[in-house]
């Protein structure tokens, strides 16, 4: 898969009406490999939602569905993973985290993963 961008969906939900759930399904429809982490374990299609980051995880993209306060416990670990980019979806904007990521050489976007996928910008 030449354009595969392994993506971590942080703030994944089992509820179909949640944007993080839609993103998981849409990423898979676009043949993107997905790792999902949320409050509750379960399955969204062929993707398992875990409650913690798998050991040694390496991803191209982190797509953030947590608000700034809920991102705090994850920030150091996400930066240590050195993803190529972090997408801060609407409601997940976090200027301090964005600055820290940029200083670490990680691209940041305040964007909507669903729109990016559906417009070929992912």
PDB file of N, CA and C in Angstrom:
ATOM      1  N   UNK A   1       0.847  -1.190   0.000  1.00  0.00           N
ATOM      2  CA  UNK A   1       0.000   0.000   0.000  1.00  0.00           C
ATOM      3  C   UNK A   1       0.887   1.245   0.000  1.00  0.00           C
ATOM      4  N   UNK A   2       1.156   1.839  -1.151  1.00  0.00           N
ATOM      5  CA  UNK A   2       2.096   2.954  -1.215  1.00  0.00           C
ATOM      6  C   UNK A   2       1.643   4.198  -0.449  1.00  0.00           C
ATOM      7  N   UNK A   3       0.350   4.448  -0.354  1.00  0.00           N
ATOM      8  CA  UNK A   3      -0.125   5.646   0.333  1.00  0.00           C
ATOM      9  C   UNK A   3      -0.675   5.351   1.720  1.00  0.00           C
ATOM     10  N   UNK A   4      -0.329   4.197   2.267  1.00  0.00           N
ATOM     11  CA  UNK A   4      -0.826   3.834   3.589  1.00  0.00           C
ATOM     12  C   UNK A   4      -0.169   4.707   4.646  1.00  0.00           C
ATOM     13  N   UNK A   5      -0.994   5.273   5.490  1.00  0.00           N
ATOM     14  CA  UNK A   5      -0.514   6.114   6.590  1.00  0.00           C
ATOM     15  C   UNK A   5      -1.091   5.534   7.875  1.00  0.00           C
ATOM     16  N   UNK A   6      -0.316   4.688   8.543  1.00  0.00           N
ATOM     17  CA  UNK A   6      -0.797   4.090   9.789  1.00  0.00           C
ATOM     18  C   UNK A   6      -1.221   5.207  10.721  1.00  0.00           C
ATOM     19  N   UNK A   7      -2.459   5.119  11.194  1.00  0.00           N
ATOM     20  CA  UNK A   7      -3.059   6.215  11.949  1.00  0.00           C
ATOM     21  C   UNK A   7      -3.508   5.752  13.322  1.00  0.00           C
ATOM     22  N   UNK A   8      -3.152   6.538  14.328  1.00  0.00           N
ATOM     23  CA  UNK A   8      -3.658   6.340  15.685  1.00  0.00           C
ATOM     24  C   UNK A   8      -4.850   7.263  15.875  1.00  0.00           C
ATOM     25  N   UNK A   9      -6.007   6.676  16.167  1.00  0.00           N
ATOM     26  CA  UNK A   9      -7.193   7.455  16.508  1.00  0.00           C
ATOM     27  C   UNK A   9      -7.238   7.506  18.035  1.00  0.00           C
ATOM     28  N   UNK A  10      -6.955   8.680  18.590  1.00  0.00           N
ATOM     29  CA  UNK A  10      -6.919   8.844  20.046  1.00  0.00           C
ATOM     30  C   UNK A  10      -8.216   9.511  20.497  1.00  0.00           C
ATOM     31  N   UNK A  11      -8.954   8.810  21.351  1.00  0.00           N
ATOM     32  CA  UNK A  11     -10.282   9.269  21.748  1.00  0.00           C
ATOM     33  C   UNK A  11     -11.341   8.488  20.986  1.00  0.00           C
ATOM     34  N   UNK A  12     -10.997   7.263  20.578  1.00  0.00           N
ATOM     35  CA  UNK A  12     -11.894   6.416  19.794  1.00  0.00           C
ATOM     36  C   UNK A  12     -13.126   6.039  20.612  1.00  0.00           C
ATOM     37  N   UNK A  13     -14.267   6.004  19.924  1.00  0.00           N
ATOM     38  CA  UNK A  13     -15.530   5.679  20.582  1.00  0.00           C
ATOM     39  C   UNK A  13     -16.212   4.507  19.884  1.00  0.00           C
ATOM     40  N   UNK A  14     -16.905   3.702  20.673  1.00  0.00           N
ATOM     41  CA  UNK A  14     -17.701   2.604  20.127  1.00  0.00           C
ATOM     42  C   UNK A  14     -19.033   3.108  19.581  1.00  0.00           C
ATOM     43  N   UNK A  15     -19.410   4.334  19.912  1.00  0.00           N
ATOM     44  CA  UNK A  15     -20.695   4.897  19.484  1.00  0.00           C
ATOM     45  C   UNK A  15     -20.606   5.362  18.033  1.00  0.00           C
ATOM     46  N   UNK A  16     -21.475   4.794  17.189  1.00  0.00           N
ATOM     47  CA  UNK A  16     -21.414   5.061  15.751  1.00  0.00           C
ATOM     48  C   UNK A  16     -21.606   6.526  15.388  1.00  0.00           C
ATOM     49  N   UNK A  17     -22.313   7.287  16.228  1.00  0.00           N
ATOM     50  CA  UNK A  17     -22.572   8.689  15.901  1.00  0.00           C
ATOM     51  C   UNK A  17     -21.390   9.614  16.234  1.00  0.00           C
ATOM     52  N   UNK A  18     -20.374   9.088  16.909  1.00  0.00           N
ATOM     53  CA  UNK A  18     -19.198   9.894  17.262  1.00  0.00           C
ATOM     54  C   UNK A  18     -18.259  10.027  16.070  1.00  0.00           C
ATOM     55  N   UNK A  19     -17.674  11.216  15.953  1.00  0.00           N
ATOM     56  CA  UNK A  19     -16.785  11.461  14.815  1.00  0.00           C
ATOM     57  C   UNK A  19     -15.564  10.547  14.825  1.00  0.00           C
ATOM     58  N   UNK A  20     -15.068  10.195  16.004  1.00  0.00           N
ATOM     59  CA  UNK A  20     -13.910   9.299  16.060  1.00  0.00           C
ATOM     60  C   UNK A  20     -14.267   7.926  15.484  1.00  0.00           C
ATOM     61  N   UNK A  21     -15.484   7.468  15.740  1.00  0.00           N
ATOM     62  CA  UNK A  21     -15.949   6.193  15.202  1.00  0.00           C
ATOM     63  C   UNK A  21     -16.074   6.295  13.678  1.00  0.00           C
ATOM     64  N   UNK A  22     -16.653   7.397  13.201  1.00  0.00           N
ATOM     65  CA  UNK A  22     -16.767   7.610  11.755  1.00  0.00           C
ATOM     66  C   UNK A  22     -15.386   7.650  11.104  1.00  0.00           C
ATOM     67  N   UNK A  23     -14.431   8.272  11.804  1.00  0.00           N
ATOM     68  CA  UNK A  23     -13.070   8.359  11.260  1.00  0.00           C
ATOM     69  C   UNK A  23     -12.446   6.973  11.126  1.00  0.00           C
ATOM     70  N   UNK A  24     -12.623   6.125  12.130  1.00  0.00           N
ATOM     71  CA  UNK A  24     -12.083   4.764  12.056  1.00  0.00           C
ATOM     72  C   UNK A  24     -12.652   4.060  10.823  1.00  0.00           C
ATOM     73  N   UNK A  25     -13.978   4.111  10.672  1.00  0.00           N
ATOM     74  CA  UNK A  25     -14.614   3.419   9.550  1.00  0.00           C
ATOM     75  C   UNK A  25     -14.174   4.012   8.215  1.00  0.00           C
ATOM     76  N   UNK A  26     -14.060   5.338   8.156  1.00  0.00           N
ATOM     77  CA  UNK A  26     -13.673   6.011   6.917  1.00  0.00           C
ATOM     78  C   UNK A  26     -12.208   5.729   6.573  1.00  0.00           C
ATOM     79  N   UNK A  27     -11.337   5.732   7.574  1.00  0.00           N
ATOM     80  CA  UNK A  27      -9.934   5.383   7.341  1.00  0.00           C
ATOM     81  C   UNK A  27      -9.818   3.971   6.772  1.00  0.00           C
ATOM     82  N   UNK A  28     -10.570   3.037   7.337  1.00  0.00           N
ATOM     83  CA  UNK A  28     -10.526   1.652   6.860  1.00  0.00           C
ATOM     84  C   UNK A  28     -11.086   1.556   5.439  1.00  0.00           C
ATOM     85  N   UNK A  29     -12.154   2.324   5.137  1.00  0.00           N
ATOM     86  CA  UNK A  29     -12.693   2.345   3.766  1.00  0.00           C
ATOM     87  C   UNK A  29     -11.644   2.833   2.773  1.00  0.00           C
ATOM     88  N   UNK A  30     -10.744   3.702   3.247  1.00  0.00           N
ATOM     89  CA  UNK A  30      -9.653   4.213   2.418  1.00  0.00           C
ATOM     90  C   UNK A  30      -8.394   3.342   2.544  1.00  0.00           C
ATOM     91  N   UNK A  31      -8.576   2.137   3.093  1.00  0.00           N
ATOM     92  CA  UNK A  31      -7.487   1.152   3.227  1.00  0.00           C
ATOM     93  C   UNK A  31      -6.305   1.644   4.056  1.00  0.00           C
ATOM     94  N   UNK A  32      -6.583   2.493   5.034  1.00  0.00           N
ATOM     95  CA  UNK A  32      -5.529   2.962   5.936  1.00  0.00           C
ATOM     96  C   UNK A  32      -5.483   2.057   7.166  1.00  0.00           C
ATOM     97  N   UNK A  33      -4.281   1.636   7.590  1.00  0.00           N
ATOM     98  CA  UNK A  33      -4.168   0.860   8.831  1.00  0.00           C
ATOM     99  C   UNK A  33      -4.463   1.760  10.031  1.00  0.00           C
ATOM    100  N   UNK A  34      -5.218   1.238  10.991  1.00  0.00           N
ATOM    101  CA  UNK A  34      -5.681   2.046  12.127  1.00  0.00           C
ATOM    102  C   UNK A  34      -5.370   1.349  13.446  1.00  0.00           C
ATOM    103  N   UNK A  35      -4.884   2.137  14.399  1.00  0.00           N
ATOM    104  CA  UNK A  35      -4.773   1.731  15.797  1.00  0.00           C
ATOM    105  C   UNK A  35      -5.695   2.684  16.548  1.00  0.00           C
ATOM    106  N   UNK A  36      -6.577   2.144  17.378  1.00  0.00           N
ATOM    107  CA  UNK A  36      -7.555   2.992  18.065  1.00  0.00           C
ATOM    108  C   UNK A  36      -7.416   2.839  19.577  1.00  0.00           C
ATOM    109  N   UNK A  37      -7.450   3.985  20.277  1.00  0.00           N
ATOM    110  CA  UNK A  37      -7.361   4.000  21.736  1.00  0.00           C
ATOM    111  C   UNK A  37      -8.495   4.866  22.270  1.00  0.00           C
ATOM    112  N   UNK A  38      -9.233   4.314  23.230  1.00  0.00           N
ATOM    113  CA  UNK A  38     -10.356   5.034  23.822  1.00  0.00           C
ATOM    114  C   UNK A  38     -10.574   4.610  25.261  1.00  0.00           C
ATOM    115  N   UNK A  39     -11.678   5.074  25.820  1.00  0.00           N
ATOM    116  CA  UNK A  39     -11.998   4.758  27.223  1.00  0.00           C
ATOM    117  C   UNK A  39     -12.475   3.324  27.400  1.00  0.00           C
ATOM    118  N   UNK A  40     -13.147   2.789  26.371  1.00  0.00           N
ATOM    119  CA  UNK A  40     -13.694   1.438  26.458  1.00  0.00           C
ATOM    120  C   UNK A  40     -13.154   0.568  25.334  1.00  0.00           C
ATOM    121  N   UNK A  41     -12.833  -0.669  25.679  1.00  0.00           N
ATOM    122  CA  UNK A  41     -12.378  -1.618  24.659  1.00  0.00           C
ATOM    123  C   UNK A  41     -13.561  -2.134  23.871  1.00  0.00           C
ATOM    124  N   UNK A  42     -13.295  -2.469  22.621  1.00  0.00           N
ATOM    125  CA  UNK A  42     -14.341  -3.014  21.775  1.00  0.00           C
ATOM    126  C   UNK A  42     -13.867  -3.024  20.335  1.00  0.00           C
ATOM    127  N   UNK A  43     -14.802  -3.255  19.422  1.00  0.00           N
ATOM    128  CA  UNK A  43     -14.463  -3.351  18.009  1.00  0.00           C
ATOM    129  C   UNK A  43     -15.289  -2.356  17.206  1.00  0.00           C
ATOM    130  N   UNK A  44     -14.635  -1.753  16.234  1.00  0.00           N
ATOM    131  CA  UNK A  44     -15.310  -0.947  15.219  1.00  0.00           C
ATOM    132  C   UNK A  44     -14.890  -1.576  13.892  1.00  0.00           C
ATOM    133  N   UNK A  45     -15.784  -2.345  13.310  1.00  0.00           N
ATOM    134  CA  UNK A  45     -15.419  -3.106  12.120  1.00  0.00           C
ATOM    135  C   UNK A  45     -14.293  -4.061  12.469  1.00  0.00           C
ATOM    136  N   UNK A  46     -13.196  -3.973  11.714  1.00  0.00           N
ATOM    137  CA  UNK A  46     -12.060  -4.862  11.959  1.00  0.00           C
ATOM    138  C   UNK A  46     -10.990  -4.225  12.847  1.00  0.00           C
ATOM    139  N   UNK A  47     -11.341  -3.105  13.474  1.00  0.00           N
ATOM    140  CA  UNK A  47     -10.373  -2.378  14.312  1.00  0.00           C
ATOM    141  C   UNK A  47     -10.719  -2.564  15.788  1.00  0.00           C
ATOM    142  N   UNK A  48      -9.736  -3.014  16.556  1.00  0.00           N
ATOM    143  CA  UNK A  48      -9.909  -3.145  18.008  1.00  0.00           C
ATOM    144  C   UNK A  48      -9.595  -1.805  18.672  1.00  0.00           C
ATOM    145  N   UNK A  49     -10.478  -1.371  19.555  1.00  0.00           N
ATOM    146  CA  UNK A  49     -10.192  -0.185  20.371  1.00  0.00           C
ATOM    147  C   UNK A  49      -9.607  -0.684  21.681  1.00  0.00           C
ATOM    148  N   UNK A  50      -8.379  -0.258  21.953  1.00  0.00           N
ATOM    149  CA  UNK A  50      -7.726  -0.589  23.213  1.00  0.00           C
ATOM    150  C   UNK A  50      -7.799   0.600  24.165  1.00  0.00           C
ATOM    151  N   UNK A  51      -7.380   0.381  25.397  1.00  0.00           N
ATOM    152  CA  UNK A  51      -7.418   1.457  26.393  1.00  0.00           C
ATOM    153  C   UNK A  51      -6.064   2.116  26.595  1.00  0.00           C
ATOM    154  N   UNK A  52      -5.019   1.591  25.921  1.00  0.00           N
ATOM    155  CA  UNK A  52      -3.690   2.164  26.066  1.00  0.00           C
ATOM    156  C   UNK A  52      -2.927   1.985  24.759  1.00  0.00           C
ATOM    157  N   UNK A  53      -1.836   2.734  24.633  1.00  0.00           N
ATOM    158  CA  UNK A  53      -1.003   2.630  23.440  1.00  0.00           C
ATOM    159  C   UNK A  53      -0.244   1.310  23.456  1.00  0.00           C
ATOM    160  N   UNK A  54      -0.261   0.587  22.346  1.00  0.00           N
ATOM    161  CA  UNK A  54       0.542  -0.634  22.284  1.00  0.00           C
ATOM    162  C   UNK A  54       2.031  -0.302  22.433  1.00  0.00           C
ATOM    163  N   UNK A  55       2.761  -1.173  23.099  1.00  0.00           N
ATOM    164  CA  UNK A  55       4.205  -0.981  23.314  1.00  0.00           C
ATOM    165  C   UNK A  55       4.917  -0.873  21.965  1.00  0.00           C
ATOM    166  N   UNK A  56       5.788   0.126  21.849  1.00  0.00           N
ATOM    167  CA  UNK A  56       6.595   0.286  20.640  1.00  0.00           C
ATOM    168  C   UNK A  56       5.824   0.763  19.414  1.00  0.00           C
ATOM    169  N   UNK A  57       4.638   1.285  19.611  1.00  0.00           N
ATOM    170  CA  UNK A  57       3.810   1.725  18.489  1.00  0.00           C
ATOM    171  C   UNK A  57       4.499   2.820  17.672  1.00  0.00           C
ATOM    172  N   UNK A  58       4.473   2.656  16.356  1.00  0.00           N
ATOM    173  CA  UNK A  58       4.966   3.667  15.415  1.00  0.00           C
ATOM    174  C   UNK A  58       3.843   3.962  14.434  1.00  0.00           C
ATOM    175  N   UNK A  59       3.500   5.228  14.272  1.00  0.00           N
ATOM    176  CA  UNK A  59       2.443   5.618  13.340  1.00  0.00           C
ATOM    177  C   UNK A  59       2.898   6.810  12.514  1.00  0.00           C
ATOM    178  N   UNK A  60       2.260   6.986  11.373  1.00  0.00           N
ATOM    179  CA  UNK A  60       2.490   8.151  10.520  1.00  0.00           C
ATOM    180  C   UNK A  60       1.716   9.346  11.073  1.00  0.00           C
ATOM    181  N   UNK A  61       0.457   9.089  11.465  1.00  0.00           N
ATOM    182  CA  UNK A  61      -0.467  10.163  11.838  1.00  0.00           C
ATOM    183  C   UNK A  61      -1.179   9.837  13.138  1.00  0.00           C
ATOM    184  N   UNK A  62      -1.330  10.861  13.983  1.00  0.00           N
ATOM    185  CA  UNK A  62      -2.210  10.768  15.146  1.00  0.00           C
ATOM    186  C   UNK A  62      -3.377  11.704  14.859  1.00  0.00           C
ATOM    187  N   UNK A  63      -4.595  11.178  14.922  1.00  0.00           N
ATOM    188  CA  UNK A  63      -5.763  12.034  14.768  1.00  0.00           C
ATOM    189  C   UNK A  63      -6.453  12.112  16.129  1.00  0.00           C
ATOM    190  N   UNK A  64      -6.551  13.341  16.626  1.00  0.00           N
ATOM    191  CA  UNK A  64      -6.921  13.614  18.013  1.00  0.00           C
ATOM    192  C   UNK A  64      -8.409  13.921  18.142  1.00  0.00           C
ATOM    193  N   UNK A  65      -9.083  13.144  18.986  1.00  0.00           N
ATOM    194  CA  UNK A  65     -10.490  13.377  19.287  1.00  0.00           C
ATOM    195  C   UNK A  65     -10.713  13.587  20.778  1.00  0.00           C
ATOM    196  N   UNK A  66      -9.675  14.027  21.488  1.00  0.00           N
ATOM    197  CA  UNK A  66      -9.784  14.357  22.909  1.00  0.00           C
ATOM    198  C   UNK A  66      -9.666  15.861  23.061  1.00  0.00           C
ATOM    199  N   UNK A  67     -10.387  16.437  24.030  1.00  0.00           N
ATOM    200  CA  UNK A  67     -10.196  17.871  24.273  1.00  0.00           C
ATOM    201  C   UNK A  67      -8.835  18.095  24.932  1.00  0.00           C
ATOM    202  N   UNK A  68      -8.418  19.339  24.958  1.00  0.00           N
ATOM    203  CA  UNK A  68      -7.063  19.670  25.428  1.00  0.00           C
ATOM    204  C   UNK A  68      -6.778  19.092  26.813  1.00  0.00           C
ATOM    205  N   UNK A  69      -7.725  19.198  27.730  1.00  0.00           N
ATOM    206  CA  UNK A  69      -7.506  18.699  29.099  1.00  0.00           C
ATOM    207  C   UNK A  69      -7.278  17.188  29.098  1.00  0.00           C
ATOM    208  N   UNK A  70      -8.031  16.453  28.293  1.00  0.00           N
ATOM    209  CA  UNK A  70      -7.894  14.990  28.255  1.00  0.00           C
ATOM    210  C   UNK A  70      -6.676  14.533  27.461  1.00  0.00           C
ATOM    211  N   UNK A  71      -6.052  15.437  26.708  1.00  0.00           N
ATOM    212  CA  UNK A  71      -4.838  15.104  25.967  1.00  0.00           C
ATOM    213  C   UNK A  71      -3.614  15.057  26.874  1.00  0.00           C
ATOM    214  N   UNK A  72      -3.679  15.802  27.978  1.00  0.00           N
ATOM    215  CA  UNK A  72      -2.511  15.992  28.841  1.00  0.00           C
ATOM    216  C   UNK A  72      -1.782  14.692  29.211  1.00  0.00           C
ATOM    217  N   UNK A  73      -2.511  13.642  29.667  1.00  0.00           N
ATOM    218  CA  UNK A  73      -1.795  12.419  30.048  1.00  0.00           C
ATOM    219  C   UNK A  73      -1.113  11.716  28.873  1.00  0.00           C
ATOM    220  N   UNK A  74      -1.476  12.050  27.654  1.00  0.00           N
ATOM    221  CA  UNK A  74      -0.948  11.377  26.467  1.00  0.00           C
ATOM    222  C   UNK A  74       0.180  12.151  25.801  1.00  0.00           C
ATOM    223  N   UNK A  75       0.305  13.427  26.096  1.00  0.00           N
ATOM    224  CA  UNK A  75       1.181  14.301  25.318  1.00  0.00           C
ATOM    225  C   UNK A  75       2.624  13.805  25.231  1.00  0.00           C
ATOM    226  N   UNK A  76       3.236  13.495  26.350  1.00  0.00           N
ATOM    227  CA  UNK A  76       4.640  13.073  26.355  1.00  0.00           C
ATOM    228  C   UNK A  76       4.815  11.799  25.523  1.00  0.00           C
ATOM    229  N   UNK A  77       3.892  10.865  25.677  1.00  0.00           N
ATOM    230  CA  UNK A  77       3.989   9.589  24.949  1.00  0.00           C
ATOM    231  C   UNK A  77       3.791   9.776  23.446  1.00  0.00           C
ATOM    232  N   UNK A  78       2.872  10.663  23.072  1.00  0.00           N
ATOM    233  CA  UNK A  78       2.641  10.934  21.640  1.00  0.00           C
ATOM    234  C   UNK A  78       3.887  11.576  21.038  1.00  0.00           C
ATOM    235  N   UNK A  79       4.444  12.569  21.719  1.00  0.00           N
ATOM    236  CA  UNK A  79       5.647  13.232  21.206  1.00  0.00           C
ATOM    237  C   UNK A  79       6.805  12.243  21.098  1.00  0.00           C
ATOM    238  N   UNK A  80       6.917  11.318  22.051  1.00  0.00           N
ATOM    239  CA  UNK A  80       7.999  10.331  22.028  1.00  0.00           C
ATOM    240  C   UNK A  80       7.851   9.355  20.857  1.00  0.00           C
ATOM    241  N   UNK A  81       6.625   9.155  20.388  1.00  0.00           N
ATOM    242  CA  UNK A  81       6.384   8.271  19.231  1.00  0.00           C
ATOM    243  C   UNK A  81       6.890   8.895  17.930  1.00  0.00           C
ATOM    244  N   UNK A  82       7.036  10.224  17.933  1.00  0.00           N
ATOM    245  CA  UNK A  82       7.500  10.964  16.752  1.00  0.00           C
ATOM    246  C   UNK A  82       6.700  10.662  15.484  1.00  0.00           C
ATOM    247  N   UNK A  83       5.363  10.845  15.548  1.00  0.00           N
ATOM    248  CA  UNK A  83       4.590  10.671  14.313  1.00  0.00           C
ATOM    249  C   UNK A  83       4.959  11.786  13.336  1.00  0.00           C
ATOM    250  N   UNK A  84       4.663  11.579  12.054  1.00  0.00           N
ATOM    251  CA  UNK A  84       4.940  12.634  11.074  1.00  0.00           C
ATOM    252  C   UNK A  84       4.016  13.825  11.284  1.00  0.00           C
ATOM    253  N   UNK A  85       2.763  13.527  11.705  1.00  0.00           N
ATOM    254  CA  UNK A  85       1.816  14.627  11.908  1.00  0.00           C
ATOM    255  C   UNK A  85       0.771  14.265  12.949  1.00  0.00           C
ATOM    256  N   UNK A  86       0.199  15.340  13.508  1.00  0.00           N
ATOM    257  CA  UNK A  86      -0.913  15.210  14.438  1.00  0.00           C
ATOM    258  C   UNK A  86      -2.035  16.087  13.900  1.00  0.00           C
ATOM    259  N   UNK A  87      -3.209  15.493  13.747  1.00  0.00           N
ATOM    260  CA  UNK A  87      -4.385  16.238  13.312  1.00  0.00           C
ATOM    261  C   UNK A  87      -5.229  16.524  14.539  1.00  0.00           C
ATOM    262  N   UNK A  88      -5.429  17.804  14.821  1.00  0.00           N
ATOM    263  CA  UNK A  88      -6.293  18.219  15.931  1.00  0.00           C
ATOM    264  C   UNK A  88      -7.664  18.512  15.326  1.00  0.00           C
ATOM    265  N   UNK A  89      -8.587  17.565  15.497  1.00  0.00           N
ATOM    266  CA  UNK A  89      -9.927  17.706  14.953  1.00  0.00           C
ATOM    267  C   UNK A  89     -10.696  18.791  15.701  1.00  0.00           C
ATOM    268  N   UNK A  90     -11.804  19.305  15.133  1.00  0.00           N
ATOM    269  CA  UNK A  90     -12.586  20.331  15.825  1.00  0.00           C
ATOM    270  C   UNK A  90     -12.937  19.904  17.252  1.00  0.00           C
ATOM    271  N   UNK A  91     -12.655  20.781  18.203  1.00  0.00           N
ATOM    272  CA  UNK A  91     -12.881  20.493  19.617  1.00  0.00           C
ATOM    273  C   UNK A  91     -11.646  19.943  20.311  1.00  0.00           C
ATOM    274  N   UNK A  92     -10.624  19.599  19.521  1.00  0.00           N
ATOM    275  CA  UNK A  92      -9.394  19.027  20.084  1.00  0.00           C
ATOM    276  C   UNK A  92      -8.221  19.997  19.972  1.00  0.00           C
ATOM    277  N   UNK A  93      -8.483  21.226  19.562  1.00  0.00           N
ATOM    278  CA  UNK A  93      -7.402  22.201  19.397  1.00  0.00           C
ATOM    279  C   UNK A  93      -6.664  22.383  20.723  1.00  0.00           C
ATOM    280  N   UNK A  94      -5.328  22.507  20.621  1.00  0.00           N
ATOM    281  CA  UNK A  94      -4.513  22.610  21.830  1.00  0.00           C
ATOM    282  C   UNK A  94      -3.204  23.327  21.457  1.00  0.00           C
ATOM    283  N   UNK A  95      -3.204  24.673  21.494  1.00  0.00           N
ATOM    284  CA  UNK A  95      -2.033  25.436  21.054  1.00  0.00           C
ATOM    285  C   UNK A  95      -0.725  25.028  21.747  1.00  0.00           C
ATOM    286  N   UNK A  96      -0.756  24.721  23.032  1.00  0.00           N
ATOM    287  CA  UNK A  96       0.476  24.352  23.744  1.00  0.00           C
ATOM    288  C   UNK A  96       1.024  23.019  23.213  1.00  0.00           C
ATOM    289  N   UNK A  97       0.169  22.037  23.028  1.00  0.00           N
ATOM    290  CA  UNK A  97       0.571  20.733  22.500  1.00  0.00           C
ATOM    291  C   UNK A  97       1.057  20.904  21.060  1.00  0.00           C
ATOM    292  N   UNK A  98       0.343  21.722  20.289  1.00  0.00           N
ATOM    293  CA  UNK A  98       0.744  21.965  18.900  1.00  0.00           C
ATOM    294  C   UNK A  98       2.152  22.558  18.838  1.00  0.00           C
ATOM    295  N   UNK A  99       2.436  23.540  19.685  1.00  0.00           N
ATOM    296  CA  UNK A  99       3.773  24.156  19.725  1.00  0.00           C
ATOM    297  C   UNK A  99       4.837  23.128  20.079  1.00  0.00           C
ATOM    298  N   UNK A 100       4.560  22.310  21.111  1.00  0.00           N
ATOM    299  CA  UNK A 100       5.517  21.286  21.538  1.00  0.00           C
ATOM    300  C   UNK A 100       5.775  20.298  20.400  1.00  0.00           C
ATOM    301  N   UNK A 101       4.729  19.924  19.679  1.00  0.00           N
ATOM    302  CA  UNK A 101       4.889  18.988  18.563  1.00  0.00           C
ATOM    303  C   UNK A 101       5.720  19.628  17.455  1.00  0.00           C
ATOM    304  N   UNK A 102       5.423  20.875  17.122  1.00  0.00           N
ATOM    305  CA  UNK A 102       6.168  21.568  16.068  1.00  0.00           C
ATOM    306  C   UNK A 102       7.644  21.701  16.445  1.00  0.00           C
ATOM    307  N   UNK A 103       7.906  21.999  17.715  1.00  0.00           N
ATOM    308  CA  UNK A 103       9.297  22.103  18.178  1.00  0.00           C
ATOM    309  C   UNK A 103      10.025  20.759  18.078  1.00  0.00           C
ATOM    310  N   UNK A 104       9.242  19.659  18.138  1.00  0.00           N
ATOM    311  CA  UNK A 104       9.819  18.316  18.008  1.00  0.00           C
ATOM    312  C   UNK A 104       9.881  17.878  16.534  1.00  0.00           C
ATOM    313  N   UNK A 105       9.520  18.797  15.628  1.00  0.00           N
ATOM    314  CA  UNK A 105       9.600  18.478  14.206  1.00  0.00           C
ATOM    315  C   UNK A 105       8.402  17.720  13.667  1.00  0.00           C
ATOM    316  N   UNK A 106       7.289  17.769  14.388  1.00  0.00           N
ATOM    317  CA  UNK A 106       6.069  17.068  13.985  1.00  0.00           C
ATOM    318  C   UNK A 106       5.105  18.082  13.371  1.00  0.00           C
ATOM    319  N   UNK A 107       4.597  17.764  12.189  1.00  0.00           N
ATOM    320  CA  UNK A 107       3.621  18.630  11.537  1.00  0.00           C
ATOM    321  C   UNK A 107       2.315  18.588  12.321  1.00  0.00           C
ATOM    322  N   UNK A 108       1.668  19.746  12.482  1.00  0.00           N
ATOM    323  CA  UNK A 108       0.364  19.778  13.145  1.00  0.00           C
ATOM    324  C   UNK A 108      -0.645  20.430  12.213  1.00  0.00           C
ATOM    325  N   UNK A 109      -1.865  19.937  12.296  1.00  0.00           N
ATOM    326  CA  UNK A 109      -2.958  20.484  11.507  1.00  0.00           C
ATOM    327  C   UNK A 109      -4.175  20.639  12.399  1.00  0.00           C
ATOM    328  N   UNK A 110      -4.836  21.790  12.313  1.00  0.00           N
ATOM    329  CA  UNK A 110      -6.160  21.923  12.900  1.00  0.00           C
ATOM    330  C   UNK A 110      -7.099  21.675  11.737  1.00  0.00           C
ATOM    331  N   UNK A 111      -7.615  20.464  11.661  1.00  0.00           N
ATOM    332  CA  UNK A 111      -8.399  20.052  10.508  1.00  0.00           C
ATOM    333  C   UNK A 111      -9.345  18.931  10.925  1.00  0.00           C
ATOM    334  N   UNK A 112     -10.191  18.530   9.991  1.00  0.00           N
ATOM    335  CA  UNK A 112     -11.123  17.436  10.216  1.00  0.00           C
ATOM    336  C   UNK A 112     -10.687  16.243   9.384  1.00  0.00           C
ATOM    337  N   UNK A 113     -10.349  15.155  10.053  1.00  0.00           N
ATOM    338  CA  UNK A 113      -9.904  13.943   9.370  1.00  0.00           C
ATOM    339  C   UNK A 113     -10.924  13.486   8.337  1.00  0.00           C
ATOM    340  N   UNK A 114     -12.214  13.552   8.680  1.00  0.00           N
ATOM    341  CA  UNK A 114     -13.255  13.099   7.754  1.00  0.00           C
ATOM    342  C   UNK A 114     -13.250  13.930   6.474  1.00  0.00           C
ATOM    343  N   UNK A 115     -13.140  15.247   6.612  1.00  0.00           N
ATOM    344  CA  UNK A 115     -13.102  16.121   5.432  1.00  0.00           C
ATOM    345  C   UNK A 115     -11.846  15.833   4.616  1.00  0.00           C
ATOM    346  N   UNK A 116     -10.704  15.693   5.301  1.00  0.00           N
ATOM    347  CA  UNK A 116      -9.449  15.410   4.595  1.00  0.00           C
ATOM    348  C   UNK A 116      -9.551  14.116   3.783  1.00  0.00           C
ATOM    349  N   UNK A 117     -10.133  13.069   4.374  1.00  0.00           N
ATOM    350  CA  UNK A 117     -10.277  11.801   3.663  1.00  0.00           C
ATOM    351  C   UNK A 117     -11.211  11.950   2.456  1.00  0.00           C
ATOM    352  N   UNK A 118     -12.318  12.638   2.667  1.00  0.00           N
ATOM    353  CA  UNK A 118     -13.331  12.729   1.617  1.00  0.00           C
ATOM    354  C   UNK A 118     -12.955  13.694   0.498  1.00  0.00           C
ATOM    355  N   UNK A 119     -11.925  14.516   0.727  1.00  0.00           N
ATOM    356  CA  UNK A 119     -11.485  15.452  -0.322  1.00  0.00           C
ATOM    357  C   UNK A 119     -10.114  15.085  -0.869  1.00  0.00           C
ATOM    358  N   UNK A 120      -9.605  13.919  -0.491  1.00  0.00           N
ATOM    359  CA  UNK A 120      -8.331  13.452  -1.018  1.00  0.00           C
ATOM    360  C   UNK A 120      -7.122  14.178  -0.459  1.00  0.00           C
ATOM    361  N   UNK A 121      -7.258  14.853   0.694  1.00  0.00           N
ATOM    362  CA  UNK A 121      -6.155  15.599   1.298  1.00  0.00           C
ATOM    363  C   UNK A 121      -5.448  14.833   2.400  1.00  0.00           C
ATOM    364  N   UNK A 122      -5.898  13.588   2.679  1.00  0.00           N
ATOM    365  CA  UNK A 122      -5.312  12.844   3.787  1.00  0.00           C
ATOM    366  C   UNK A 122      -3.908  12.390   3.430  1.00  0.00           C
TER     367      UNK A 122
END
